[in-house]
């Protein structure tokens, strides 16, 4: 029995190593959403570029589109912005959710870097973000023609992410 006690640290180490090995194989950007296959949450908010224009989840219906959560304070959002411009230029509608941001800075951002969005919603208090289950910016949702969320991508949209993941889903929903 005393010899068995000598192997306990080795057994504990092997079990922990197994857990760490499994953890390293997981995709850190995969964050399931409780909203998959459910409608975009109800909202009625103004847009960044026109504070008189009120939009709602109904305005997202009719075409397969991307709903992109972004902010000027988000460094990764600046990195993904050129890819969003390219996607929008190629015909995929993108709607923005300006998340917990200064509206004036957001207007300047869109003016200086160009605006890929059909419109961008002001979510100053983050309530829509909470309803969407946002972990942080950037996050991108694929919304089908009926306003139902079909996919959630956490992190930067790059050319690779668009080509290998998002575009095939968008095309399958057309």
Protein backbone atom coordinates (compact mmCIF):
# COMPACT_ATOMS: atom_id res chain seq x y z
CA UNK A 1 0.00 0.00 0.00
CA UNK A 2 2.87 2.39 0.73
CA UNK A 3 4.24 1.82 -2.79
CA UNK A 4 0.85 2.79 -4.24
CA UNK A 5 1.05 6.17 -2.43
CA UNK A 6 4.21 6.91 -4.38
CA UNK A 7 2.24 6.74 -7.66
CA UNK A 8 -0.59 9.08 -6.58
CA UNK A 9 1.23 12.27 -7.73
CA UNK A 10 1.94 10.62 -11.09
CA UNK A 11 -1.73 9.64 -11.50
CA UNK A 12 -2.89 13.15 -10.55
CA UNK A 13 -0.41 14.63 -13.02
CA UNK A 14 -1.63 12.32 -15.82
CA UNK A 15 -5.28 13.25 -15.18
CA UNK A 16 -4.49 16.99 -15.16
CA UNK A 17 -2.35 16.66 -18.29
CA UNK A 18 -5.30 14.97 -20.01
CA UNK A 19 -7.63 17.84 -19.09
CA UNK A 20 -5.11 20.43 -20.28
CA UNK A 21 -4.56 18.54 -23.55
CA UNK A 22 -8.32 18.45 -24.18
CA UNK A 23 -8.63 22.16 -23.32
CA UNK A 24 -5.93 23.11 -25.81
CA UNK A 25 -7.85 21.40 -28.61
CA UNK A 26 -11.00 23.51 -28.06
CA UNK A 27 -11.83 26.47 -30.30
CA UNK A 28 -11.74 29.64 -28.14
CA UNK A 29 -13.92 31.56 -30.62
CA UNK A 30 -16.73 29.01 -30.46
CA UNK A 31 -19.27 30.46 -28.08
CA UNK A 32 -22.71 28.98 -28.54
CA UNK A 33 -25.59 31.41 -28.48
CA UNK A 34 -28.94 30.76 -26.85
CA UNK A 35 -30.44 32.82 -29.69
CA UNK A 36 -29.48 30.47 -32.52
CA UNK A 37 -32.59 29.69 -34.57
CA UNK A 38 -34.53 32.39 -32.70
CA UNK A 39 -35.60 35.85 -33.90
CA UNK A 40 -33.40 38.89 -33.35
CA UNK A 41 -34.50 40.37 -29.99
CA UNK A 42 -37.07 43.15 -30.11
CA UNK A 43 -35.59 46.65 -30.14
CA UNK A 44 -36.38 50.17 -31.26
CA UNK A 45 -33.27 52.35 -31.41
CA UNK A 46 -31.89 55.29 -33.38
CA UNK A 47 -29.08 55.06 -35.91
CA UNK A 48 -25.58 56.48 -35.60
CA UNK A 49 -25.78 58.66 -38.71
CA UNK A 50 -29.36 59.90 -38.24
CA UNK A 51 -30.52 60.33 -34.63
CA UNK A 52 -34.05 61.03 -35.95
CA UNK A 53 -34.27 57.63 -37.67
CA UNK A 54 -35.74 54.91 -35.47
CA UNK A 55 -35.17 51.28 -36.53
CA UNK A 56 -36.30 47.94 -35.15
CA UNK A 57 -35.72 44.24 -35.66
CA UNK A 58 -38.32 44.39 -38.44
CA UNK A 59 -35.85 46.41 -40.54
CA UNK A 60 -33.50 43.40 -40.63
CA UNK A 61 -36.02 41.21 -42.45
CA UNK A 62 -36.18 40.57 -46.18
CA UNK A 63 -32.57 39.65 -46.98
CA UNK A 64 -29.91 37.41 -45.50
CA UNK A 65 -27.57 39.78 -43.71
CA UNK A 66 -24.84 40.18 -41.14
CA UNK A 67 -25.43 41.93 -37.82
CA UNK A 68 -22.04 43.21 -36.63
CA UNK A 69 -21.41 44.43 -33.07
CA UNK A 70 -18.65 47.06 -33.09
CA UNK A 71 -17.26 50.05 -31.19
CA UNK A 72 -14.61 52.71 -31.68
CA UNK A 73 -12.86 51.61 -28.48
CA UNK A 74 -12.50 48.09 -29.91
CA UNK A 75 -9.05 47.58 -31.45
CA UNK A 76 -10.14 44.34 -33.14
CA UNK A 77 -13.07 46.18 -34.77
CA UNK A 78 -10.59 48.44 -36.58
CA UNK A 79 -8.76 45.33 -37.77
CA UNK A 80 -11.92 43.76 -39.23
CA UNK A 81 -13.33 46.98 -40.75
CA UNK A 82 -11.63 46.60 -44.18
CA UNK A 83 -13.06 43.09 -44.53
CA UNK A 84 -16.54 44.36 -43.71
CA UNK A 85 -16.18 47.05 -46.39
CA UNK A 86 -15.20 44.35 -48.88
CA UNK A 87 -18.11 42.08 -47.90
CA UNK A 88 -20.59 44.95 -48.18
CA UNK A 89 -19.14 46.02 -51.52
CA UNK A 90 -19.69 42.50 -52.86
CA UNK A 91 -23.39 42.69 -52.00
CA UNK A 92 -23.97 41.22 -48.54
CA UNK A 93 -25.96 43.67 -46.42
CA UNK A 94 -24.41 44.42 -43.03
CA UNK A 95 -26.17 46.12 -40.14
CA UNK A 96 -24.13 47.49 -37.27
CA UNK A 97 -24.71 47.62 -33.55
CA UNK A 98 -22.56 50.38 -32.10
CA UNK A 99 -22.03 48.87 -28.66
CA UNK A 100 -21.58 51.05 -25.54
CA UNK A 101 -19.83 53.77 -27.49
CA UNK A 102 -19.70 57.55 -27.90
CA UNK A 103 -22.01 58.40 -30.81
CA UNK A 104 -19.92 61.34 -32.04
CA UNK A 105 -16.79 59.18 -32.14
CA UNK A 106 -18.77 56.49 -33.97
CA UNK A 107 -19.94 59.00 -36.61
CA UNK A 108 -16.36 60.19 -37.09
CA UNK A 109 -15.12 56.57 -37.36
CA UNK A 110 -17.66 55.79 -40.10
CA UNK A 111 -16.87 59.02 -41.94
CA UNK A 112 -13.09 58.54 -41.78
CA UNK A 113 -12.93 54.78 -42.42
CA UNK A 114 -16.02 54.51 -44.67
CA UNK A 115 -19.33 52.98 -43.68
CA UNK A 116 -20.00 49.32 -44.58
CA UNK A 117 -23.38 49.29 -42.81
CA UNK A 118 -26.87 49.70 -44.24
CA UNK A 119 -27.41 51.43 -40.91
CA UNK A 120 -25.75 51.20 -37.52
CA UNK A 121 -27.82 51.11 -34.36
CA UNK A 122 -26.86 53.14 -31.28
CA UNK A 123 -26.76 50.73 -28.33
CA UNK A 124 -25.39 53.20 -25.80
CA UNK A 125 -26.49 51.35 -22.67
CA UNK A 126 -25.74 47.89 -24.09
CA UNK A 127 -29.28 46.59 -23.60
CA UNK A 128 -29.52 45.17 -27.14
CA UNK A 129 -26.07 43.67 -26.68
CA UNK A 130 -27.25 41.94 -23.51
CA UNK A 131 -30.34 40.65 -25.30
CA UNK A 132 -28.11 39.31 -28.09
CA UNK A 133 -25.78 37.66 -25.58
CA UNK A 134 -22.78 39.75 -26.60
CA UNK A 135 -19.54 38.82 -24.82
CA UNK A 136 -17.68 41.79 -26.33
CA UNK A 137 -16.97 43.46 -29.63
CA UNK A 138 -16.56 42.37 -32.35
CA UNK A 139 -19.25 39.77 -32.78
CA UNK A 140 -21.11 38.99 -35.98
CA UNK A 141 -24.45 37.27 -36.42
CA UNK A 142 -25.93 35.84 -39.61
CA UNK A 143 -29.61 36.76 -39.82
CA UNK A 144 -31.87 35.00 -42.34
CA UNK A 145 -34.61 36.62 -44.46
CA UNK A 146 -37.20 36.17 -41.72
CA UNK A 147 -35.09 37.86 -39.04
CA UNK A 148 -33.91 34.66 -37.35
CA UNK A 149 -30.32 34.35 -36.09
CA UNK A 150 -28.65 31.39 -37.81
CA UNK A 151 -25.02 31.74 -36.75
CA UNK A 152 -22.86 33.66 -34.29
CA UNK A 153 -19.16 34.43 -34.81
CA UNK A 154 -17.16 35.79 -31.88
CA UNK A 155 -14.04 37.68 -32.88
CA UNK A 156 -12.63 39.39 -35.92
CA UNK A 157 -14.10 38.70 -39.34
CA UNK A 158 -11.11 38.07 -41.58
CA UNK A 159 -10.96 37.00 -45.20
CA UNK A 160 -10.40 33.41 -44.03
CA UNK A 161 -13.38 33.50 -41.64
CA UNK A 162 -15.55 34.97 -44.39
CA UNK A 163 -14.45 32.47 -47.07
CA UNK A 164 -14.49 29.34 -44.91
CA UNK A 165 -17.33 29.96 -42.46
CA UNK A 166 -19.62 32.94 -42.96
CA UNK A 167 -19.99 33.11 -46.75
CA UNK A 168 -21.02 29.43 -47.14
CA UNK A 169 -23.73 29.90 -44.50
CA UNK A 170 -24.93 33.15 -46.10
CA UNK A 171 -25.07 31.46 -49.52
CA UNK A 172 -26.95 28.45 -48.16
CA UNK A 173 -29.61 30.74 -46.71
CA UNK A 174 -30.15 32.75 -49.94
